[in-house]
Amino acid sequence: YMKTVDDIIAKLSSDNYDTAVDLASVPEHIRGFGHVKHQHFIEAKKREAELWEKFRNLKVGAAAKEIRIKVAA
């Protein structure tokens, strides 16, 4: 998960912010136990792949601004 967050932050912009939030929240959708959790995991990984595709291919507008994030130590 930390690698995912690092990858998101490295390419974060105002244009892909909403997709970045969706990507970071994918693990919240993996719930349950046994076969229920497994099905949620499969669905979450599929959604994650779609979101990564969208995140990487978003066209950055000419007036796009960089988003700066403060991280507490």
PDB file of N, CA and C in Angstrom:
ATOM      1  N   TYR A   1       0.818  -1.188   0.000  1.00  0.00           N
ATOM      2  CA  TYR A   1       0.000   0.000   0.000  1.00  0.00           C
ATOM      3  C   TYR A   1       0.861   1.251   0.000  1.00  0.00           C
ATOM      4  N   MET A   2       1.931   1.240   0.772  1.00  0.00           N
ATOM      5  CA  MET A   2       2.807   2.419   0.821  1.00  0.00           C
ATOM      6  C   MET A   2       3.440   2.682  -0.548  1.00  0.00           C
ATOM      7  N   LYS A   3       3.791   1.644  -1.285  1.00  0.00           N
ATOM      8  CA  LYS A   3       4.339   1.805  -2.637  1.00  0.00           C
ATOM      9  C   LYS A   3       3.305   2.455  -3.543  1.00  0.00           C
ATOM     10  N   THR A   4       2.065   2.024  -3.427  1.00  0.00           N
ATOM     11  CA  THR A   4       0.987   2.614  -4.216  1.00  0.00           C
ATOM     12  C   THR A   4       0.850   4.098  -3.914  1.00  0.00           C
ATOM     13  N   VAL A   5       0.845   4.449  -2.643  1.00  0.00           N
ATOM     14  CA  VAL A   5       0.725   5.855  -2.252  1.00  0.00           C
ATOM     15  C   VAL A   5       1.927   6.648  -2.767  1.00  0.00           C
ATOM     16  N   ASP A   6       3.120   6.097  -2.658  1.00  0.00           N
ATOM     17  CA  ASP A   6       4.312   6.783  -3.188  1.00  0.00           C
ATOM     18  C   ASP A   6       4.199   7.000  -4.692  1.00  0.00           C
ATOM     19  N   ASP A   7       3.722   6.010  -5.421  1.00  0.00           N
ATOM     20  CA  ASP A   7       3.552   6.137  -6.879  1.00  0.00           C
ATOM     21  C   ASP A   7       2.504   7.193  -7.226  1.00  0.00           C
ATOM     22  N   ILE A   8       1.437   7.237  -6.460  1.00  0.00           N
ATOM     23  CA  ILE A   8       0.394   8.244  -6.685  1.00  0.00           C
ATOM     24  C   ILE A   8       0.949   9.641  -6.440  1.00  0.00           C
ATOM     25  N   ILE A   9       1.619   9.825  -5.325  1.00  0.00           N
ATOM     26  CA  ILE A   9       2.141  11.144  -4.965  1.00  0.00           C
ATOM     27  C   ILE A   9       3.151  11.638  -5.995  1.00  0.00           C
ATOM     28  N   ALA A  10       3.943  10.734  -6.542  1.00  0.00           N
ATOM     29  CA  ALA A  10       4.970  11.128  -7.507  1.00  0.00           C
ATOM     30  C   ALA A  10       4.371  11.758  -8.758  1.00  0.00           C
ATOM     31  N   LYS A  11       3.143  11.401  -9.110  1.00  0.00           N
ATOM     32  CA  LYS A  11       2.529  11.914 -10.338  1.00  0.00           C
ATOM     33  C   LYS A  11       1.231  12.680 -10.079  1.00  0.00           C
ATOM     34  N   LEU A  12       1.009  13.089  -8.849  1.00  0.00           N
ATOM     35  CA  LEU A  12      -0.229  13.759  -8.478  1.00  0.00           C
ATOM     36  C   LEU A  12      -0.311  15.158  -9.063  1.00  0.00           C
ATOM     37  N   SER A  13      -1.461  15.474  -9.615  1.00  0.00           N
ATOM     38  CA  SER A  13      -1.725  16.825 -10.124  1.00  0.00           C
ATOM     39  C   SER A  13      -3.195  17.144  -9.859  1.00  0.00           C
ATOM     40  N   SER A  14      -3.577  18.367 -10.119  1.00  0.00           N
ATOM     41  CA  SER A  14      -4.978  18.736  -9.928  1.00  0.00           C
ATOM     42  C   SER A  14      -5.871  17.998 -10.929  1.00  0.00           C
ATOM     43  N   ASP A  15      -5.319  17.599 -12.067  1.00  0.00           N
ATOM     44  CA  ASP A  15      -6.095  16.888 -13.081  1.00  0.00           C
ATOM     45  C   ASP A  15      -6.405  15.445 -12.697  1.00  0.00           C
ATOM     46  N   ASN A  16      -5.520  14.793 -11.946  1.00  0.00           N
ATOM     47  CA  ASN A  16      -5.749  13.380 -11.615  1.00  0.00           C
ATOM     48  C   ASN A  16      -6.039  13.158 -10.130  1.00  0.00           C
ATOM     49  N   TYR A  17      -6.313  14.226  -9.406  1.00  0.00           N
ATOM     50  CA  TYR A  17      -6.537  14.143  -7.963  1.00  0.00           C
ATOM     51  C   TYR A  17      -7.686  13.186  -7.608  1.00  0.00           C
ATOM     52  N   ASP A  18      -8.833  13.341  -8.269  1.00  0.00           N
ATOM     53  CA  ASP A  18      -9.989  12.493  -7.933  1.00  0.00           C
ATOM     54  C   ASP A  18      -9.693  11.014  -8.176  1.00  0.00           C
ATOM     55  N   THR A  19      -9.011  10.725  -9.266  1.00  0.00           N
ATOM     56  CA  THR A  19      -8.638   9.341  -9.560  1.00  0.00           C
ATOM     57  C   THR A  19      -7.641   8.838  -8.519  1.00  0.00           C
ATOM     58  N   ALA A  20      -6.732   9.712  -8.082  1.00  0.00           N
ATOM     59  CA  ALA A  20      -5.756   9.337  -7.056  1.00  0.00           C
ATOM     60  C   ALA A  20      -6.450   8.964  -5.751  1.00  0.00           C
ATOM     61  N   VAL A  21      -7.459   9.723  -5.378  1.00  0.00           N
ATOM     62  CA  VAL A  21      -8.214   9.423  -4.156  1.00  0.00           C
ATOM     63  C   VAL A  21      -8.914   8.072  -4.299  1.00  0.00           C
ATOM     64  N   ASP A  22      -9.509   7.826  -5.464  1.00  0.00           N
ATOM     65  CA  ASP A  22     -10.156   6.531  -5.708  1.00  0.00           C
ATOM     66  C   ASP A  22      -9.151   5.383  -5.616  1.00  0.00           C
ATOM     67  N   LEU A  23      -7.964   5.590  -6.183  1.00  0.00           N
ATOM     68  CA  LEU A  23      -6.919   4.558  -6.131  1.00  0.00           C
ATOM     69  C   LEU A  23      -6.510   4.258  -4.690  1.00  0.00           C
ATOM     70  N   ALA A  24      -6.316   5.314  -3.922  1.00  0.00           N
ATOM     71  CA  ALA A  24      -5.879   5.130  -2.532  1.00  0.00           C
ATOM     72  C   ALA A  24      -6.947   4.452  -1.679  1.00  0.00           C
ATOM     73  N   SER A  25      -8.198   4.534  -2.098  1.00  0.00           N
ATOM     74  CA  SER A  25      -9.274   3.946  -1.295  1.00  0.00           C
ATOM     75  C   SER A  25      -9.652   2.529  -1.717  1.00  0.00           C
ATOM     76  N   VAL A  26      -8.992   1.984  -2.718  1.00  0.00           N
ATOM     77  CA  VAL A  26      -9.307   0.622  -3.177  1.00  0.00           C
ATOM     78  C   VAL A  26      -9.276  -0.401  -2.033  1.00  0.00           C
ATOM     79  N   PRO A  27      -8.274  -0.400  -1.151  1.00  0.00           N
ATOM     80  CA  PRO A  27      -8.243  -1.420  -0.085  1.00  0.00           C
ATOM     81  C   PRO A  27      -9.457  -1.388   0.846  1.00  0.00           C
ATOM     82  N   GLU A  28     -10.142  -0.251   0.930  1.00  0.00           N
ATOM     83  CA  GLU A  28     -11.335  -0.161   1.780  1.00  0.00           C
ATOM     84  C   GLU A  28     -12.462  -1.064   1.288  1.00  0.00           C
ATOM     85  N   HIS A  29     -12.402  -1.476   0.037  1.00  0.00           N
ATOM     86  CA  HIS A  29     -13.462  -2.285  -0.551  1.00  0.00           C
ATOM     87  C   HIS A  29     -13.230  -3.790  -0.403  1.00  0.00           C
ATOM     88  N   ILE A  30     -12.117  -4.162   0.209  1.00  0.00           N
ATOM     89  CA  ILE A  30     -11.816  -5.585   0.415  1.00  0.00           C
ATOM     90  C   ILE A  30     -12.261  -5.936   1.835  1.00  0.00           C
ATOM     91  N   ARG A  31     -13.469  -6.456   1.922  1.00  0.00           N
ATOM     92  CA  ARG A  31     -14.071  -6.757   3.224  1.00  0.00           C
ATOM     93  C   ARG A  31     -14.589  -8.180   3.250  1.00  0.00           C
ATOM     94  N   GLY A  32     -14.865  -8.631   4.454  1.00  0.00           N
ATOM     95  CA  GLY A  32     -15.468  -9.944   4.626  1.00  0.00           C
ATOM     96  C   GLY A  32     -14.457 -11.019   4.988  1.00  0.00           C
ATOM     97  N   PHE A  33     -14.914 -12.257   4.928  1.00  0.00           N
ATOM     98  CA  PHE A  33     -14.080 -13.411   5.245  1.00  0.00           C
ATOM     99  C   PHE A  33     -14.294 -14.489   4.196  1.00  0.00           C
ATOM    100  N   GLY A  34     -13.290 -15.306   4.020  1.00  0.00           N
ATOM    101  CA  GLY A  34     -13.408 -16.455   3.125  1.00  0.00           C
ATOM    102  C   GLY A  34     -13.726 -16.069   1.698  1.00  0.00           C
ATOM    103  N   HIS A  35     -14.726 -16.767   1.124  1.00  0.00           N
ATOM    104  CA  HIS A  35     -15.063 -16.553  -0.277  1.00  0.00           C
ATOM    105  C   HIS A  35     -15.615 -15.145  -0.539  1.00  0.00           C
ATOM    106  N   VAL A  36     -16.250 -14.524   0.464  1.00  0.00           N
ATOM    107  CA  VAL A  36     -16.763 -13.160   0.311  1.00  0.00           C
ATOM    108  C   VAL A  36     -15.600 -12.183   0.165  1.00  0.00           C
ATOM    109  N   LYS A  37     -14.599 -12.331   1.021  1.00  0.00           N
ATOM    110  CA  LYS A  37     -13.424 -11.467   0.937  1.00  0.00           C
ATOM    111  C   LYS A  37     -12.691 -11.695  -0.388  1.00  0.00           C
ATOM    112  N   HIS A  38     -12.590 -12.934  -0.800  1.00  0.00           N
ATOM    113  CA  HIS A  38     -11.909 -13.250  -2.053  1.00  0.00           C
ATOM    114  C   HIS A  38     -12.611 -12.572  -3.238  1.00  0.00           C
ATOM    115  N   GLN A  39     -13.933 -12.615  -3.261  1.00  0.00           N
ATOM    116  CA  GLN A  39     -14.675 -11.965  -4.345  1.00  0.00           C
ATOM    117  C   GLN A  39     -14.471 -10.453  -4.315  1.00  0.00           C
ATOM    118  N   HIS A  40     -14.496  -9.848  -3.125  1.00  0.00           N
ATOM    119  CA  HIS A  40     -14.241  -8.412  -2.999  1.00  0.00           C
ATOM    120  C   HIS A  40     -12.822  -8.077  -3.452  1.00  0.00           C
ATOM    121  N   PHE A  41     -11.873  -8.944  -3.137  1.00  0.00           N
ATOM    122  CA  PHE A  41     -10.489  -8.746  -3.562  1.00  0.00           C
ATOM    123  C   PHE A  41     -10.379  -8.736  -5.089  1.00  0.00           C
ATOM    124  N   ILE A  42     -11.023  -9.689  -5.745  1.00  0.00           N
ATOM    125  CA  ILE A  42     -10.990  -9.769  -7.214  1.00  0.00           C
ATOM    126  C   ILE A  42     -11.587  -8.500  -7.822  1.00  0.00           C
ATOM    127  N   GLU A  43     -12.729  -8.072  -7.304  1.00  0.00           N
ATOM    128  CA  GLU A  43     -13.382  -6.868  -7.815  1.00  0.00           C
ATOM    129  C   GLU A  43     -12.519  -5.630  -7.571  1.00  0.00           C
ATOM    130  N   ALA A  44     -11.898  -5.553  -6.400  1.00  0.00           N
ATOM    131  CA  ALA A  44     -11.057  -4.404  -6.063  1.00  0.00           C
ATOM    132  C   ALA A  44      -9.823  -4.344  -6.967  1.00  0.00           C
ATOM    133  N   LYS A  45      -9.203  -5.481  -7.232  1.00  0.00           N
ATOM    134  CA  LYS A  45      -8.017  -5.498  -8.108  1.00  0.00           C
ATOM    135  C   LYS A  45      -8.383  -5.105  -9.536  1.00  0.00           C
ATOM    136  N   LYS A  46      -9.557  -5.529 -10.001  1.00  0.00           N
ATOM    137  CA  LYS A  46     -10.016  -5.137 -11.326  1.00  0.00           C
ATOM    138  C   LYS A  46     -10.222  -3.615 -11.374  1.00  0.00           C
ATOM    139  N   ARG A  47     -10.879  -3.089 -10.365  1.00  0.00           N
ATOM    140  CA  ARG A  47     -11.118  -1.638 -10.289  1.00  0.00           C
ATOM    141  C   ARG A  47      -9.791  -0.889 -10.193  1.00  0.00           C
ATOM    142  N   GLU A  48      -8.858  -1.422  -9.413  1.00  0.00           N
ATOM    143  CA  GLU A  48      -7.553  -0.789  -9.267  1.00  0.00           C
ATOM    144  C   GLU A  48      -6.832  -0.707 -10.615  1.00  0.00           C
ATOM    145  N   ALA A  49      -6.882  -1.764 -11.392  1.00  0.00           N
ATOM    146  CA  ALA A  49      -6.251  -1.768 -12.723  1.00  0.00           C
ATOM    147  C   ALA A  49      -6.875  -0.704 -13.624  1.00  0.00           C
ATOM    148  N   GLU A  50      -8.201  -0.593 -13.584  1.00  0.00           N
ATOM    149  CA  GLU A  50      -8.893   0.433 -14.380  1.00  0.00           C
ATOM    150  C   GLU A  50      -8.485   1.835 -13.948  1.00  0.00           C
ATOM    151  N   LEU A  51      -8.396   2.038 -12.639  1.00  0.00           N
ATOM    152  CA  LEU A  51      -8.024   3.356 -12.118  1.00  0.00           C
ATOM    153  C   LEU A  51      -6.578   3.714 -12.463  1.00  0.00           C
ATOM    154  N   TRP A  52      -5.662   2.732 -12.391  1.00  0.00           N
ATOM    155  CA  TRP A  52      -4.267   3.004 -12.765  1.00  0.00           C
ATOM    156  C   TRP A  52      -4.186   3.407 -14.231  1.00  0.00           C
ATOM    157  N   GLU A  53      -4.948   2.728 -15.073  1.00  0.00           N
ATOM    158  CA  GLU A  53      -4.972   3.061 -16.501  1.00  0.00           C
ATOM    159  C   GLU A  53      -5.445   4.505 -16.690  1.00  0.00           C
ATOM    160  N   LYS A  54      -6.516   4.843 -16.014  1.00  0.00           N
ATOM    161  CA  LYS A  54      -7.047   6.215 -16.103  1.00  0.00           C
ATOM    162  C   LYS A  54      -6.047   7.217 -15.539  1.00  0.00           C
ATOM    163  N   PHE A  55      -5.454   6.904 -14.390  1.00  0.00           N
ATOM    164  CA  PHE A  55      -4.509   7.805 -13.721  1.00  0.00           C
ATOM    165  C   PHE A  55      -3.306   8.092 -14.621  1.00  0.00           C
ATOM    166  N   ARG A  56      -2.780   7.074 -15.246  1.00  0.00           N
ATOM    167  CA  ARG A  56      -1.587   7.224 -16.084  1.00  0.00           C
ATOM    168  C   ARG A  56      -1.879   7.914 -17.411  1.00  0.00           C
ATOM    169  N   ASN A  57      -3.104   7.811 -17.889  1.00  0.00           N
ATOM    170  CA  ASN A  57      -3.426   8.324 -19.212  1.00  0.00           C
ATOM    171  C   ASN A  57      -4.233   9.612 -19.219  1.00  0.00           C
ATOM    172  N   LEU A  58      -4.463  10.198 -18.049  1.00  0.00           N
ATOM    173  CA  LEU A  58      -5.192  11.459 -18.021  1.00  0.00           C
ATOM    174  C   LEU A  58      -4.392  12.534 -18.731  1.00  0.00           C
ATOM    175  N   LYS A  59      -5.062  13.266 -19.570  1.00  0.00           N
ATOM    176  CA  LYS A  59      -4.416  14.369 -20.268  1.00  0.00           C
ATOM    177  C   LYS A  59      -4.292  15.527 -19.303  1.00  0.00           C
ATOM    178  N   VAL A  60      -3.081  15.988 -19.107  1.00  0.00           N
ATOM    179  CA  VAL A  60      -2.834  17.111 -18.208  1.00  0.00           C
ATOM    180  C   VAL A  60      -3.067  18.384 -18.990  1.00  0.00           C
ATOM    181  N   GLY A  61      -3.947  19.234 -18.467  1.00  0.00           N
ATOM    182  CA  GLY A  61      -4.260  20.497 -19.130  1.00  0.00           C
ATOM    183  C   GLY A  61      -3.082  21.452 -19.102  1.00  0.00           C
ATOM    184  N   ALA A  62      -3.095  22.416 -19.986  1.00  0.00           N
ATOM    185  CA  ALA A  62      -2.007  23.387 -20.088  1.00  0.00           C
ATOM    186  C   ALA A  62      -1.878  24.205 -18.816  1.00  0.00           C
ATOM    187  N   ALA A  63      -2.995  24.418 -18.144  1.00  0.00           N
ATOM    188  CA  ALA A  63      -2.975  25.240 -16.941  1.00  0.00           C
ATOM    189  C   ALA A  63      -2.973  24.389 -15.669  1.00  0.00           C
ATOM    190  N   ALA A  64      -2.564  23.141 -15.779  1.00  0.00           N
ATOM    191  CA  ALA A  64      -2.561  22.254 -14.609  1.00  0.00           C
ATOM    192  C   ALA A  64      -1.607  22.771 -13.553  1.00  0.00           C
ATOM    193  N   LYS A  65      -2.042  22.619 -12.307  1.00  0.00           N
ATOM    194  CA  LYS A  65      -1.223  23.049 -11.191  1.00  0.00           C
ATOM    195  C   LYS A  65      -0.721  21.824 -10.440  1.00  0.00           C
ATOM    196  N   GLU A  66       0.424  21.972  -9.862  1.00  0.00           N
ATOM    197  CA  GLU A  66       0.986  20.926  -9.027  1.00  0.00           C
ATOM    198  C   GLU A  66       0.310  20.989  -7.667  1.00  0.00           C
ATOM    199  N   ILE A  67       0.097  19.848  -7.054  1.00  0.00           N
ATOM    200  CA  ILE A  67      -0.476  19.802  -5.707  1.00  0.00           C
ATOM    201  C   ILE A  67       0.655  19.463  -4.756  1.00  0.00           C
ATOM    202  N   ARG A  68       0.835  20.271  -3.769  1.00  0.00           N
ATOM    203  CA  ARG A  68       1.871  20.036  -2.763  1.00  0.00           C
ATOM    204  C   ARG A  68       1.227  19.433  -1.533  1.00  0.00           C
ATOM    205  N   ILE A  69       1.858  18.421  -0.978  1.00  0.00           N
ATOM    206  CA  ILE A  69       1.340  17.711   0.169  1.00  0.00           C
ATOM    207  C   ILE A  69       2.355  17.762   1.291  1.00  0.00           C
ATOM    208  N   LYS A  70       1.897  18.128   2.472  1.00  0.00           N
ATOM    209  CA  LYS A  70       2.756  18.087   3.656  1.00  0.00           C
ATOM    210  C   LYS A  70       2.528  16.742   4.329  1.00  0.00           C
ATOM    211  N   VAL A  71       3.597  16.072   4.645  1.00  0.00           N
ATOM    212  CA  VAL A  71       3.498  14.783   5.312  1.00  0.00           C
ATOM    213  C   VAL A  71       4.074  14.938   6.717  1.00  0.00           C
ATOM    214  N   ALA A  72       3.275  14.552   7.690  1.00  0.00           N
ATOM    215  CA  ALA A  72       3.734  14.619   9.075  1.00  0.00           C
ATOM    216  C   ALA A  72       4.735  13.514   9.320  1.00  0.00           C
ATOM    217  N   ALA A  73       5.793  13.834  10.030  1.00  0.00           N
ATOM    218  CA  ALA A  73       6.828  12.839  10.304  1.00  0.00           C
ATOM    219  C   ALA A  73       6.460  11.996  11.491  1.00  0.00           C
TER     220      ALA A  73
END
